[in-house]
Protein backbone atom coordinates (compact mmCIF):
# COMPACT_ATOMS: atom_id res chain seq x y z
CA MET A 1 -37.59 -21.31 -4.36
CA ASP A 2 -39.90 -19.81 -1.81
CA LYS A 3 -37.57 -20.02 1.14
CA LEU A 4 -35.13 -17.29 1.96
CA ILE A 5 -31.37 -17.46 2.00
CA LYS A 6 -29.75 -18.18 5.33
CA VAL A 7 -28.29 -14.93 6.58
CA ALA A 8 -24.54 -15.22 6.64
CA SER A 9 -23.46 -12.34 8.83
CA ILE A 10 -24.16 -8.81 10.01
CA ALA A 11 -22.26 -5.64 9.71
CA VAL A 12 -21.75 -3.25 12.47
CA ALA A 13 -18.98 -0.75 12.84
CA LEU A 14 -17.38 0.17 16.15
CA VAL A 15 -15.48 3.36 16.49
CA SER A 16 -13.04 3.16 19.25
CA MET A 17 -11.94 6.60 18.41
CA LEU A 18 -11.90 9.83 18.62
CA ALA A 19 -11.76 13.05 17.68
CA THR A 20 -8.62 14.68 16.62
CA GLY A 21 -9.42 17.67 14.61
CA CYS A 22 -11.58 20.52 13.53
CA ASN A 23 -11.08 23.47 11.25
CA LYS A 24 -12.89 25.51 13.93
CA ALA A 25 -10.06 24.97 16.41
CA THR A 26 -8.68 28.44 15.84
CA GLU A 27 -12.02 29.94 16.86
CA VAL A 28 -11.75 28.57 20.40
CA SER A 29 -9.86 30.68 22.91
CA GLY A 30 -8.09 29.12 25.88
CA PRO A 31 -9.10 25.47 25.42
CA VAL A 32 -9.06 23.47 28.62
CA ALA A 33 -9.28 20.05 27.00
CA LYS A 34 -8.78 18.54 23.62
CA THR A 35 -9.36 15.16 22.11
CA GLN A 36 -6.50 13.01 20.95
CA ILE A 37 -6.01 10.31 18.30
CA ILE A 38 -6.18 6.83 19.82
CA PRO A 39 -6.15 3.34 18.18
CA ALA A 40 -9.23 3.86 16.17
CA PRO A 41 -12.30 2.69 14.42
CA GLY A 42 -13.26 -0.94 14.20
CA VAL A 43 -16.11 -2.92 12.67
CA TYR A 44 -18.26 -5.72 13.96
CA GLY A 45 -18.13 -8.22 11.09
CA THR A 46 -18.73 -6.10 7.96
CA PHE A 47 -20.79 -8.78 6.23
CA SER A 48 -17.85 -11.14 6.40
CA ILE A 49 -17.69 -14.61 7.93
CA ARG A 50 -20.37 -15.17 10.57
CA PRO A 51 -22.66 -18.07 9.60
CA GLU A 52 -25.70 -16.67 11.36
CA THR A 53 -27.38 -13.46 12.38
CA ARG A 54 -26.13 -11.93 15.60
CA ALA A 55 -27.70 -9.62 18.19
CA ILE A 56 -26.76 -6.16 19.30
CA ASP A 57 -28.67 -5.85 22.54
CA LEU A 58 -28.12 -9.19 24.26
CA GLU A 59 -30.11 -8.46 27.43
CA THR A 60 -33.38 -7.67 25.67
CA THR A 61 -33.13 -10.21 22.84
CA GLU A 62 -33.70 -13.23 25.05
CA PRO A 63 -37.03 -15.04 24.46
CA GLY A 64 -39.73 -12.78 25.81
CA GLY A 65 -37.42 -9.75 25.80
CA ALA A 66 -38.44 -6.43 24.33
CA ASN A 67 -36.11 -6.82 21.35
CA TYR A 68 -36.37 -10.57 20.78
CA TYR A 69 -35.41 -11.07 17.11
CA TYR A 70 -35.39 -7.31 16.79
CA ASN A 71 -34.45 -6.47 13.20
CA GLY A 72 -33.24 -10.04 12.80
CA PHE A 73 -30.35 -9.78 15.29
CA THR A 74 -29.86 -12.62 17.76
CA GLY A 75 -26.28 -12.20 19.06
CA GLU A 76 -23.29 -9.88 19.28
CA PRO A 77 -20.94 -9.70 16.27
CA ASP A 78 -17.15 -9.95 16.06
CA LEU A 79 -14.88 -6.92 16.13
CA ASP A 80 -12.68 -5.81 13.25
CA LYS A 81 -11.05 -2.56 12.12
CA LEU A 82 -12.52 0.19 10.00
CA PRO A 83 -10.27 0.10 6.90
CA VAL A 84 -7.54 2.63 6.19
CA GLY A 85 -8.80 5.34 3.86
CA THR A 86 -12.37 5.28 5.20
CA THR A 87 -13.87 8.76 5.58
CA VAL A 88 -16.10 9.71 8.52
CA TRP A 89 -18.45 12.56 9.44
CA LEU A 90 -18.63 13.36 13.16
CA THR A 91 -21.20 15.63 14.81
CA TYR A 92 -20.85 16.91 18.35
CA ARG A 93 -23.13 19.18 20.38
CA LYS A 94 -22.77 20.70 23.82
CA GLY A 95 -25.45 20.15 26.46
CA VAL A 96 -26.45 21.97 29.64
CA PRO A 97 -28.21 19.85 32.31
CA VAL A 98 -31.74 21.02 33.03
CA SER A 99 -32.04 22.32 36.57
CA ALA A 100 -34.15 19.41 37.81
CA HIS A 101 -31.40 16.90 36.94
CA ALA A 102 -28.22 18.99 37.26
CA ALA A 103 -27.19 17.64 40.67
CA ALA A 104 -27.79 14.02 39.69
CA ILE A 105 -25.83 14.41 36.43
CA ASP A 106 -22.85 16.02 38.15
CA ALA A 107 -22.64 13.05 40.53
CA MET A 108 -22.76 10.41 37.77
CA THR A 109 -19.89 8.12 36.85
CA LYS A 110 -18.77 7.92 33.22
CA GLU A 111 -20.77 4.72 32.71
CA GLU A 112 -23.91 6.22 34.27
CA LEU A 113 -23.61 9.34 32.15
CA GLU A 114 -23.39 7.29 28.95
CA ALA A 115 -26.79 5.74 29.75
CA VAL A 116 -28.57 8.93 30.82
CA ASP A 117 -31.63 10.20 28.95
CA PRO A 118 -30.62 13.01 26.54
CA GLU A 119 -33.84 14.79 27.56
CA TRP A 120 -32.05 15.66 30.79
CA PHE A 121 -30.04 18.25 28.82
CA THR A 122 -30.68 21.35 26.78
CA TRP A 123 -28.61 20.91 23.61
CA GLY A 124 -26.95 23.45 21.36
CA GLU A 125 -26.69 23.21 17.59
CA PRO A 126 -24.39 20.39 16.36
CA ASP A 127 -20.97 21.08 14.83
CA LEU A 128 -19.47 18.90 12.13
CA GLN A 129 -15.99 17.54 11.40
CA ALA A 130 -14.66 15.11 8.80
CA TYR A 131 -12.04 12.41 9.48
CA VAL A 132 -10.10 9.78 7.58
CA VAL A 133 -8.73 6.49 8.92
CA GLN A 134 -4.95 6.25 8.62
CA ASN A 135 -2.37 3.81 9.96
CA SER A 136 -0.24 5.26 12.74
CA ALA A 137 2.50 3.17 14.40
CA GLY A 138 0.67 -0.01 13.46
CA PHE A 139 -2.78 1.19 14.59
CA ASN A 140 -5.71 2.48 12.56
CA ALA A 141 -6.44 5.98 13.85
CA LEU A 142 -8.65 8.93 12.91
CA TYR A 143 -7.13 12.08 11.44
CA PRO A 144 -9.11 15.31 10.98
CA ILE A 145 -9.53 16.46 7.38
CA GLN A 146 -10.97 19.51 5.66
CA SER A 147 -14.41 19.78 4.12
CA ASN A 148 -16.09 22.56 2.17
CA ASN A 149 -19.34 23.72 0.63
CA SER A 150 -20.07 22.55 -2.88
CA ILE A 151 -22.92 22.20 -5.34
CA VAL A 152 -23.89 18.61 -6.14
CA ASP A 153 -26.86 17.96 -8.44
CA GLY A 154 -27.87 21.57 -7.97
CA THR A 155 -27.96 21.28 -4.17
CA ASP A 156 -25.74 23.01 -1.58
CA VAL A 157 -23.86 20.24 0.23
CA LEU A 158 -20.78 19.68 2.37
CA VAL A 159 -18.13 17.45 0.83
CA VAL A 160 -14.74 16.10 1.87
CA THR A 161 -11.98 17.98 0.08
CA GLU A 162 -10.25 16.00 -2.69
CA PRO A 163 -7.38 15.36 -2.51
CA ILE A 164 -7.65 14.93 1.25
CA ASN A 165 -6.15 17.77 3.29
CA PHE A 166 -5.46 17.32 6.99
CA THR A 167 -6.46 20.06 9.44
CA ASN A 168 -6.05 21.14 13.09
CA PRO A 169 -7.02 19.21 16.25
CA LEU A 170 -10.42 19.74 17.83
CA TYR A 171 -10.50 21.88 21.00
CA LEU A 172 -13.50 21.80 23.35
CA ASP A 173 -14.39 23.75 26.49
CA HIS A 174 -15.17 21.58 29.50
CA GLY A 175 -18.77 20.42 29.75
CA TYR A 176 -21.13 17.73 28.45
CA TYR A 177 -21.08 16.69 24.79
CA GLN A 178 -22.95 14.19 22.66
CA PHE A 179 -21.19 12.59 19.69
CA ARG A 180 -22.56 10.87 16.60
CA MET A 181 -20.93 9.61 13.42
CA VAL A 182 -21.52 8.16 9.96
CA THR A 183 -19.26 6.56 7.35
CA PRO A 184 -18.43 6.86 4.49
CA ALA A 185 -18.45 10.67 4.41
CA TYR A 186 -20.82 11.06 1.48
CA PRO A 187 -21.96 14.60 0.52
CA ILE A 188 -24.52 15.92 3.02
CA HIS A 189 -26.98 18.80 2.99
CA ALA A 190 -25.44 21.85 4.65
CA GLU A 191 -28.78 23.00 6.04
CA ASN A 192 -29.83 19.95 8.10
CA LEU A 193 -26.88 17.49 7.73
CA SER A 194 -29.11 14.90 6.03
CA MET A 195 -27.48 12.51 3.57
CA GLN A 196 -28.94 11.16 0.34
CA VAL A 197 -28.85 7.36 0.15
CA SER A 198 -30.15 4.83 -2.33
CA ASN A 199 -29.84 1.20 -3.32
CA GLY A 200 -26.28 0.46 -4.34
CA MET A 201 -24.64 2.21 -1.37
CA TYR A 202 -23.11 1.06 1.92
CA LEU A 203 -23.63 3.20 5.01
CA TYR A 204 -22.82 2.88 8.73
CA SER A 205 -23.93 5.18 11.55
CA ASN A 206 -24.83 5.37 15.20
CA ASP A 207 -28.31 3.97 15.82
CA GLU A 208 -30.64 4.93 18.67
CA ARG A 209 -32.50 1.60 18.37
CA TYR A 210 -29.73 -0.27 20.20
CA GLU A 211 -28.10 0.44 23.53
CA GLN A 212 -24.64 -0.39 22.18
CA THR A 213 -24.82 1.82 19.09
CA ARG A 214 -26.63 4.94 20.25
CA SER A 215 -25.05 8.38 20.43
CA LYS A 216 -22.77 8.77 23.42
CA ILE A 217 -22.77 11.51 26.08
CA ILE A 218 -19.32 12.33 27.46
CA ARG A 219 -18.13 14.84 30.08
CA VAL A 220 -15.08 16.79 28.88
CA ARG A 221 -12.93 17.77 31.86
CA GLU A 222 -9.90 19.91 32.49
CA THR A 223 -6.67 17.91 32.59
CA GLU A 224 -3.08 18.88 33.38
CA ALA A 225 -1.97 17.91 29.90
CA ALA A 226 -5.05 19.50 28.27
CA VAL A 227 -5.56 16.20 26.45
CA MET A 228 -8.48 13.81 26.72
CA ASN A 229 -9.10 10.49 24.98
CA ILE A 230 -12.68 9.80 23.89
CA VAL A 231 -14.11 6.40 22.98
CA LEU A 232 -17.39 6.38 21.07
CA ASN A 233 -20.08 3.74 20.81
CA PRO A 234 -20.16 1.35 17.84
CA ILE A 235 -21.81 2.28 14.58
CA ILE A 236 -23.94 -0.19 12.64
CA ALA A 237 -24.73 -0.86 8.98
CA GLN A 238 -27.94 0.85 7.87
CA MET A 239 -28.11 -1.13 4.62
CA ALA A 240 -28.49 -4.83 3.85
CA ARG A 241 -26.14 -6.58 1.44
CA VAL A 242 -26.78 -8.88 -1.52
CA SER A 243 -23.72 -10.87 -2.60
CA VAL A 244 -23.22 -13.21 -5.55
CA GLU A 245 -20.63 -15.97 -5.89
CA ILE A 246 -20.53 -17.81 -9.25
CA LYS A 247 -18.17 -20.69 -9.89
CA PRO A 248 -17.52 -22.62 -13.11
CA GLY A 249 -18.78 -26.19 -13.19
CA GLU A 250 -18.73 -29.06 -15.66
CA ASN A 251 -17.58 -28.17 -19.21
CA VAL A 252 -17.16 -24.48 -18.32
CA ASN A 253 -13.73 -23.12 -19.11
CA THR A 254 -14.30 -19.39 -18.74
CA LEU A 255 -16.78 -17.16 -16.92
CA GLU A 256 -16.79 -13.40 -17.51
CA MET A 257 -19.18 -10.74 -16.33
CA MET A 258 -20.66 -8.56 -19.05
CA SER A 259 -20.84 -4.77 -18.70
CA PRO A 260 -24.43 -4.68 -17.30
CA GLY A 261 -23.22 -6.89 -14.43
CA VAL A 262 -25.88 -8.07 -11.99
CA GLU A 263 -29.21 -6.27 -11.74
CA VAL A 264 -30.99 -6.38 -8.37
CA SER A 265 -34.63 -5.31 -8.42
CA GLY A 266 -37.66 -5.43 -6.13
CA MET A 267 -35.98 -3.54 -3.29
CA GLN A 268 -37.46 -0.64 -1.35
CA ASP A 269 -38.01 2.32 -3.64
CA PRO A 270 -36.28 5.41 -2.18
CA GLU A 271 -38.60 8.27 -1.31
CA LEU A 272 -37.99 10.76 -4.07
CA ASP A 273 -36.69 14.15 -2.96
CA GLY A 274 -36.26 15.57 -6.44
CA LEU A 275 -33.04 13.66 -7.00
CA GLY A 276 -34.41 10.14 -6.79
CA LYS A 277 -32.74 9.40 -3.45
CA LEU A 278 -33.82 9.05 0.15
CA ALA A 279 -32.84 11.84 2.55
CA PHE A 280 -31.41 10.02 5.60
CA LYS A 281 -31.28 12.27 8.67
CA TRP A 282 -28.28 10.46 10.15
CA SER A 283 -27.47 13.25 12.63
CA SER A 284 -30.91 13.00 14.25
CA MET A 285 -31.27 11.42 17.68
CA ASP A 286 -34.88 10.44 16.91
CA ILE A 287 -35.62 6.78 16.12
CA LYS A 288 -38.24 7.81 13.55
CA ASP A 289 -35.43 9.25 11.40
CA THR A 290 -33.74 5.83 11.10
CA LEU A 291 -33.85 4.19 7.66
CA GLN A 292 -37.08 2.19 7.84
CA MET A 293 -37.84 -1.18 6.26
CA LYS A 294 -40.54 -0.78 3.59
CA ARG A 295 -42.19 -2.97 1.00
CA GLY A 296 -40.30 -3.81 -2.18
CA HIS A 297 -41.17 -2.10 -5.46
CA LYS A 298 -40.94 -3.93 -8.78
CA TYR A 299 -39.58 -0.88 -10.60
CA SER A 300 -36.78 -0.24 -8.10
CA ARG A 301 -33.44 -1.58 -9.31
CA THR A 302 -29.72 -1.17 -8.82
CA TYR A 303 -26.68 -2.66 -10.53
CA MET A 304 -23.68 -4.61 -9.26
CA THR A 305 -20.82 -3.78 -11.61
CA GLU A 306 -17.63 -4.44 -9.62
CA PHE A 307 -16.40 -8.03 -9.29
CA GLU A 308 -13.36 -10.03 -8.25
CA THR A 309 -12.23 -13.27 -9.90
CA ASP A 310 -9.93 -15.68 -8.06
CA ASN A 311 -7.39 -18.08 -9.57
CA LYS A 312 -10.05 -20.80 -9.81
CA GLY A 313 -12.29 -18.64 -11.96
CA VAL A 314 -14.84 -17.97 -9.17
CA ILE A 315 -16.51 -14.57 -9.56
CA ARG A 316 -17.68 -12.59 -6.51
CA GLY A 317 -19.50 -9.31 -6.15
CA ASP A 318 -21.78 -7.54 -3.68
CA ILE A 319 -23.93 -4.47 -3.31
CA GLY A 320 -25.78 -2.61 -0.54
CA VAL A 321 -29.58 -2.34 -0.62
CA LEU A 322 -32.13 -0.49 1.48
CA PRO A 323 -33.95 -2.54 4.18
CA THR A 324 -36.87 -4.16 2.35
CA ASN A 325 -39.91 -6.25 3.22
CA ALA A 326 -40.39 -8.53 0.21
CA MET A 327 -42.64 -11.08 1.92
CA SER A 328 -45.56 -10.20 -0.35
CA THR A 329 -43.53 -9.06 -3.36
CA VAL A 330 -40.81 -10.62 -5.51
CA SER A 331 -37.15 -9.66 -5.91
CA TYR A 332 -35.19 -10.50 -9.04
CA ILE A 333 -31.49 -11.06 -9.63
CA VAL A 334 -30.52 -10.77 -13.33
CA ILE A 335 -26.99 -12.02 -14.07
CA ASN A 336 -25.38 -10.95 -17.35
CA MET A 337 -22.28 -12.99 -18.15
CA ALA A 338 -20.36 -14.77 -20.88
CA VAL A 339 -20.04 -18.54 -20.45
CA ASN A 340 -17.23 -19.97 -22.59
CA GLY A 341 -17.42 -16.68 -24.47
CA ILE A 342 -21.18 -16.94 -25.15
CA PRO A 343 -23.31 -14.05 -23.78
CA THR A 344 -25.87 -15.51 -21.38
CA GLN A 345 -28.49 -14.01 -19.07
CA TYR A 346 -29.87 -15.74 -15.96
CA VAL A 347 -32.90 -14.55 -14.02
CA LEU A 348 -33.23 -15.65 -10.39
CA THR A 349 -36.46 -15.10 -8.45
CA LEU A 350 -36.35 -14.49 -4.69
CA SER A 351 -39.58 -14.58 -2.70
CA ARG A 352 -40.72 -14.42 0.94
CA LEU A 353 -37.68 -12.42 2.04
CA LYS A 354 -37.03 -9.64 4.54
CA PHE A 355 -33.81 -7.74 3.92
CA PHE A 356 -32.78 -6.55 7.40
CA HIS A 357 -30.22 -3.79 7.84
CA GLY A 358 -26.83 -5.13 8.87
CA HIS A 359 -27.41 -8.57 7.30
CA THR A 360 -26.01 -10.16 4.16
CA TYR A 361 -27.94 -12.35 1.73
CA ASP A 362 -25.50 -14.59 -0.15
CA LEU A 363 -26.26 -16.34 -3.43
CA LYS A 364 -23.78 -19.12 -4.22
CA LEU A 365 -24.23 -20.43 -7.74
CA GLN A 366 -22.56 -22.83 -10.16
CA VAL A 367 -22.68 -22.75 -13.96
CA ASP A 368 -22.47 -26.00 -15.95
CA ALA A 369 -22.54 -26.52 -19.72
CA ASP A 370 -24.14 -29.46 -21.53
CA GLY A 371 -23.88 -29.11 -25.28
CA HIS A 372 -25.27 -25.70 -26.17
CA ILE A 373 -27.22 -25.34 -22.93
CA ASN A 374 -25.73 -23.51 -19.96
CA VAL A 375 -27.16 -24.43 -16.59
CA MET A 376 -26.87 -22.44 -13.38
CA SER A 377 -27.82 -24.22 -10.17
CA TRP A 378 -27.89 -23.29 -6.52
CA ALA A 379 -24.69 -24.29 -4.75
CA ASN A 380 -25.81 -22.96 -1.38
CA GLN A 381 -27.37 -25.65 0.81
CA ALA A 382 -29.47 -23.01 2.52
CA TRP A 383 -31.70 -23.16 -0.54
CA SER A 384 -34.09 -26.03 -1.11
CA GLY A 385 -34.31 -27.61 -4.56
CA GLU A 386 -32.41 -26.82 -7.73
CA VAL A 387 -33.04 -24.31 -10.49
CA THR A 388 -32.21 -24.97 -14.15
CA LEU A 389 -31.85 -21.91 -16.42
CA ASN A 390 -31.25 -21.76 -20.16
């Protein structure tokens, strides 16, 4: 069992959005442009159906290219919608071109501006706004919602108001702005907009490592209608996914997950910040602040506790994990379930694996019963050999 699972798909999120609201709108006098809701966020795949890894930056992932097999991506993913009810944090900051580049920037087309080096600007402090995806006239669109300060685990954070309350549209003076986003809208530190993440979570954000997913610079102009549509770059999954599919085999009438569910261990151990979670600086434009792949740790574990069972008795569940290099360590999957009503525990060992962000690692298993012995075997042909467990 020393060969890794064939990666099934990647997850990237595209936000074709934008921005429709801000509770700071009343602070702006005489707005000359405002953003407007348009058919909104989408996702590239979301760990769904692609049978192989795909690339983000096609031009530089060719053999010999700078990003060949970069982070495991080898092609561009499919486009889907960001689901209704998804919450989003958006940051935006205004920039002033530095004098040496001001003339060149003013002459740029929209496409040229999107590719310009952010170092050509002097940037102000970022502002923050929360959104939720809603269905409007048959389209998924972003609606601005309120957020407030709160205390979570003894820390001052910003949280989305529950129940969700909608707020006013976002008004911006004309000029140059850079936009960045993350979803879901988990609580974030008010001081530096960092977000605590850990194994067991899913997270998507803009990513400066790829041309298609980096933060976007847009020129806001005056218009007769004082309305301007903005389309942002895609966002991409920062976590990997481990999924489990278990189907009943010979002499198995019922399969039920027990309360401990599935334990996943041997992943990257989050850097402790006093709360046992990693502080992800998602609003940063610096590549070094991206969630990095690190070696697995045998004491790091998370639990998969939510499952779906279809009409054939097949059980499916999944969970997000931090990017992990387990080539020289071992990851374990412990499955706690009742087979024909009998509590049973299976331990699966995974070795020589790299868990890339935006990829899914799918375990397809079958449980058979022979007398008083329950056997779980690999049903996924991407694995070599067969494993028998008592």
